[in-house]
Amino acid sequence: MPFIDLSSIPYIEPVPGCRMRTPHGQNLMLSYLEMDDGAEVPMHHHPHEQGGILLQGKVQLTIGDETRIVEAGSLFIIPPNVPHRAVAVDGPAVVLDVFSPVREDYAELANRYIPTIH
């Protein structure tokens, strides 16, 4: 399915104040993440490579040993197994993350596949 209507995909809330929609194909997953002011994705790591762009707001982002405040338009890449954390600061934030390969845990949480048009 080459076109995705984000509003038709139910969100999941992996941590309080963070809602995400995770459409995916065979080898790539998108994660549209909406964060409330002060919401935190705690320090974690995974074997998937992750890249992203902050679409709206401001986020305190820690990747490995480095922490920065990033604003809309900022891009980042997180190598596999590197610890990272994000906190929305000074208001809500929206982040678009890309994972490769697909995060099985998110796909399982969503418990659905992208609907196909017949």
C-alpha atoms as a PDB file:
ATOM      1  CA  MET A   1       0.000   0.000   0.000  1.00  0.00           C
ATOM      2  CA  PRO A   2       1.917   3.058  -1.207  1.00  0.00           C
ATOM      3  CA  PHE A   3      -0.338   5.723   0.377  1.00  0.00           C
ATOM      4  CA  ILE A   4      -1.216   5.807   4.067  1.00  0.00           C
ATOM      5  CA  ASP A   5      -4.086   7.707   5.675  1.00  0.00           C
ATOM      6  CA  LEU A   6      -2.626   8.318   9.133  1.00  0.00           C
ATOM      7  CA  SER A   7      -6.024   9.175  10.612  1.00  0.00           C
ATOM      8  CA  SER A   8      -7.288   5.676   9.742  1.00  0.00           C
ATOM      9  CA  ILE A   9      -4.597   3.978  11.837  1.00  0.00           C
ATOM     10  CA  PRO A  10      -5.393   3.535  15.540  1.00  0.00           C
ATOM     11  CA  TYR A  11      -2.671   4.799  17.859  1.00  0.00           C
ATOM     12  CA  ILE A  12      -0.912   2.859  20.583  1.00  0.00           C
ATOM     13  CA  GLU A  13       0.361   4.421  23.811  1.00  0.00           C
ATOM     14  CA  PRO A  14       3.624   2.670  24.730  1.00  0.00           C
ATOM     15  CA  VAL A  15       4.284   5.078  27.635  1.00  0.00           C
ATOM     16  CA  PRO A  16       2.017   7.704  29.242  1.00  0.00           C
ATOM     17  CA  GLY A  17       1.633  10.842  27.130  1.00  0.00           C
ATOM     18  CA  CYS A  18       3.076   9.282  23.972  1.00  0.00           C
ATOM     19  CA  ARG A  19       0.788   8.169  21.158  1.00  0.00           C
ATOM     20  CA  MET A  20       2.141   6.579  18.023  1.00  0.00           C
ATOM     21  CA  ARG A  21       0.946   5.131  14.775  1.00  0.00           C
ATOM     22  CA  THR A  22       3.314   2.641  13.184  1.00  0.00           C
ATOM     23  CA  PRO A  23       2.578   1.739   9.552  1.00  0.00           C
ATOM     24  CA  HIS A  24       5.160  -0.654   8.136  1.00  0.00           C
ATOM     25  CA  GLY A  25       6.167  -2.642   5.127  1.00  0.00           C
ATOM     26  CA  GLN A  26       8.366  -5.709   4.957  1.00  0.00           C
ATOM     27  CA  ASN A  27      11.671  -4.074   5.985  1.00  0.00           C
ATOM     28  CA  LEU A  28      10.803  -0.566   7.157  1.00  0.00           C
ATOM     29  CA  MET A  29       8.575   0.919   9.842  1.00  0.00           C
ATOM     30  CA  LEU A  30       7.407   4.509  10.224  1.00  0.00           C
ATOM     31  CA  SER A  31       6.442   5.779  13.655  1.00  0.00           C
ATOM     32  CA  TYR A  32       4.413   8.988  13.888  1.00  0.00           C
ATOM     33  CA  LEU A  33       4.874   9.908  17.554  1.00  0.00           C
ATOM     34  CA  GLU A  34       2.858  12.582  19.345  1.00  0.00           C
ATOM     35  CA  MET A  35       4.244  13.564  22.760  1.00  0.00           C
ATOM     36  CA  ASP A  36       2.450  15.622  25.413  1.00  0.00           C
ATOM     37  CA  ASP A  37       4.450  18.330  27.195  1.00  0.00           C
ATOM     38  CA  GLY A  38       6.782  16.575  29.652  1.00  0.00           C
ATOM     39  CA  ALA A  39       6.128  13.101  28.224  1.00  0.00           C
ATOM     40  CA  GLU A  40       9.178  10.852  28.291  1.00  0.00           C
ATOM     41  CA  VAL A  41      10.335   7.915  26.231  1.00  0.00           C
ATOM     42  CA  PRO A  42      12.712   6.482  28.866  1.00  0.00           C
ATOM     43  CA  MET A  43      16.279   5.373  28.180  1.00  0.00           C
ATOM     44  CA  HIS A  44      16.198   2.178  26.133  1.00  0.00           C
ATOM     45  CA  HIS A  45      17.950   0.447  23.250  1.00  0.00           C
ATOM     46  CA  HIS A  46      17.026  -2.032  20.535  1.00  0.00           C
ATOM     47  CA  PRO A  47      18.740  -3.860  17.669  1.00  0.00           C
ATOM     48  CA  HIS A  48      16.952  -1.745  15.043  1.00  0.00           C
ATOM     49  CA  GLU A  49      18.543   1.232  13.326  1.00  0.00           C
ATOM     50  CA  GLN A  50      16.459   4.361  13.916  1.00  0.00           C
ATOM     51  CA  GLY A  51      16.368   7.702  12.177  1.00  0.00           C
ATOM     52  CA  GLY A  52      13.986  10.561  12.638  1.00  0.00           C
ATOM     53  CA  ILE A  53      12.952  14.162  12.248  1.00  0.00           C
ATOM     54  CA  LEU A  54      11.298  16.403  14.787  1.00  0.00           C
ATOM     55  CA  LEU A  55       8.239  17.797  12.993  1.00  0.00           C
ATOM     56  CA  GLN A  56       6.867  20.066  15.742  1.00  0.00           C
ATOM     57  CA  GLY A  57       7.906  21.272  19.164  1.00  0.00           C
ATOM     58  CA  LYS A  58      11.065  20.813  21.159  1.00  0.00           C
ATOM     59  CA  VAL A  59      12.596  17.608  22.568  1.00  0.00           C
ATOM     60  CA  GLN A  60      15.463  16.902  24.923  1.00  0.00           C
ATOM     61  CA  LEU A  61      17.101  13.994  23.090  1.00  0.00           C
ATOM     62  CA  THR A  62      19.824  11.777  24.524  1.00  0.00           C
ATOM     63  CA  ILE A  63      21.708   9.459  22.179  1.00  0.00           C
ATOM     64  CA  GLY A  64      24.473   7.511  23.888  1.00  0.00           C
ATOM     65  CA  ASP A  65      26.392   9.955  26.095  1.00  0.00           C
ATOM     66  CA  GLU A  66      25.203  13.130  24.334  1.00  0.00           C
ATOM     67  CA  THR A  67      22.104  15.166  25.205  1.00  0.00           C
ATOM     68  CA  ARG A  68      20.752  18.074  23.149  1.00  0.00           C
ATOM     69  CA  ILE A  69      17.602  20.136  22.910  1.00  0.00           C
ATOM     70  CA  VAL A  70      16.368  19.674  19.334  1.00  0.00           C
ATOM     71  CA  GLU A  71      13.726  21.733  17.549  1.00  0.00           C
ATOM     72  CA  ALA A  72      11.449  21.239  14.551  1.00  0.00           C
ATOM     73  CA  GLY A  73      13.466  20.302  11.476  1.00  0.00           C
ATOM     74  CA  SER A  74      16.219  18.521  13.423  1.00  0.00           C
ATOM     75  CA  LEU A  75      17.262  15.134  12.059  1.00  0.00           C
ATOM     76  CA  PHE A  76      18.919  12.293  13.959  1.00  0.00           C
ATOM     77  CA  ILE A  77      20.212   8.759  13.428  1.00  0.00           C
ATOM     78  CA  ILE A  78      20.511   6.221  16.240  1.00  0.00           C
ATOM     79  CA  PRO A  79      22.695   3.195  15.485  1.00  0.00           C
ATOM     80  CA  PRO A  80      21.517  -0.257  16.624  1.00  0.00           C
ATOM     81  CA  ASN A  81      21.848  -1.004  20.368  1.00  0.00           C
ATOM     82  CA  VAL A  82      22.744   2.586  21.355  1.00  0.00           C
ATOM     83  CA  PRO A  83      20.829   3.767  24.448  1.00  0.00           C
ATOM     84  CA  HIS A  84      18.557   6.767  23.837  1.00  0.00           C
ATOM     85  CA  ARG A  85      15.814   8.809  25.538  1.00  0.00           C
ATOM     86  CA  ALA A  86      13.434  11.644  24.573  1.00  0.00           C
ATOM     87  CA  VAL A  87      11.460  14.173  26.632  1.00  0.00           C
ATOM     88  CA  ALA A  88       9.062  16.784  25.191  1.00  0.00           C
ATOM     89  CA  VAL A  89       9.949  20.196  26.628  1.00  0.00           C
ATOM     90  CA  ASP A  90       8.130  23.554  26.542  1.00  0.00           C
ATOM     91  CA  GLY A  91       4.995  22.024  25.021  1.00  0.00           C
ATOM     92  CA  PRO A  92       3.904  19.044  22.943  1.00  0.00           C
ATOM     93  CA  ALA A  93       6.072  17.563  20.189  1.00  0.00           C
ATOM     94  CA  VAL A  94       5.633  15.436  17.069  1.00  0.00           C
ATOM     95  CA  VAL A  95       8.374  13.135  15.797  1.00  0.00           C
ATOM     96  CA  LEU A  96       8.547  10.954  12.697  1.00  0.00           C
ATOM     97  CA  ASP A  97      10.826   7.962  13.326  1.00  0.00           C
ATOM     98  CA  VAL A  98      11.926   5.352  10.814  1.00  0.00           C
ATOM     99  CA  PHE A  99      13.053   1.878  11.891  1.00  0.00           C
ATOM    100  CA  SER A 100      14.832  -0.831   9.948  1.00  0.00           C
ATOM    101  CA  PRO A 101      14.145  -3.651  10.214  1.00  0.00           C
ATOM    102  CA  VAL A 102      10.528  -3.447  11.404  1.00  0.00           C
ATOM    103  CA  ARG A 103      10.209  -3.315  15.194  1.00  0.00           C
ATOM    104  CA  GLU A 104       8.378  -6.534  15.969  1.00  0.00           C
ATOM    105  CA  ASP A 105       7.388  -5.291  19.431  1.00  0.00           C
ATOM    106  CA  TYR A 106       5.578  -2.249  17.983  1.00  0.00           C
ATOM    107  CA  ALA A 107       3.947  -4.331  15.256  1.00  0.00           C
ATOM    108  CA  GLU A 108       2.722  -6.754  17.934  1.00  0.00           C
ATOM    109  CA  LEU A 109       1.490  -3.912  20.174  1.00  0.00           C
ATOM    110  CA  ALA A 110      -0.545  -2.518  17.312  1.00  0.00           C
ATOM    111  CA  ASN A 111      -1.828  -6.044  16.613  1.00  0.00           C
ATOM    112  CA  ARG A 112      -2.737  -5.175  13.048  1.00  0.00           C
ATOM    113  CA  TYR A 113      -1.410  -4.949   9.534  1.00  0.00           C
ATOM    114  CA  ILE A 114      -1.828  -2.070   7.132  1.00  0.00           C
ATOM    115  CA  PRO A 115      -5.166  -2.688   5.429  1.00  0.00           C
ATOM    116  CA  THR A 116      -4.975  -3.389   1.725  1.00  0.00           C
ATOM    117  CA  ILE A 117      -7.337  -2.056  -0.909  1.00  0.00           C
ATOM    118  CA  HIS A 118      -9.092  -4.719  -2.974  1.00  0.00           C
END
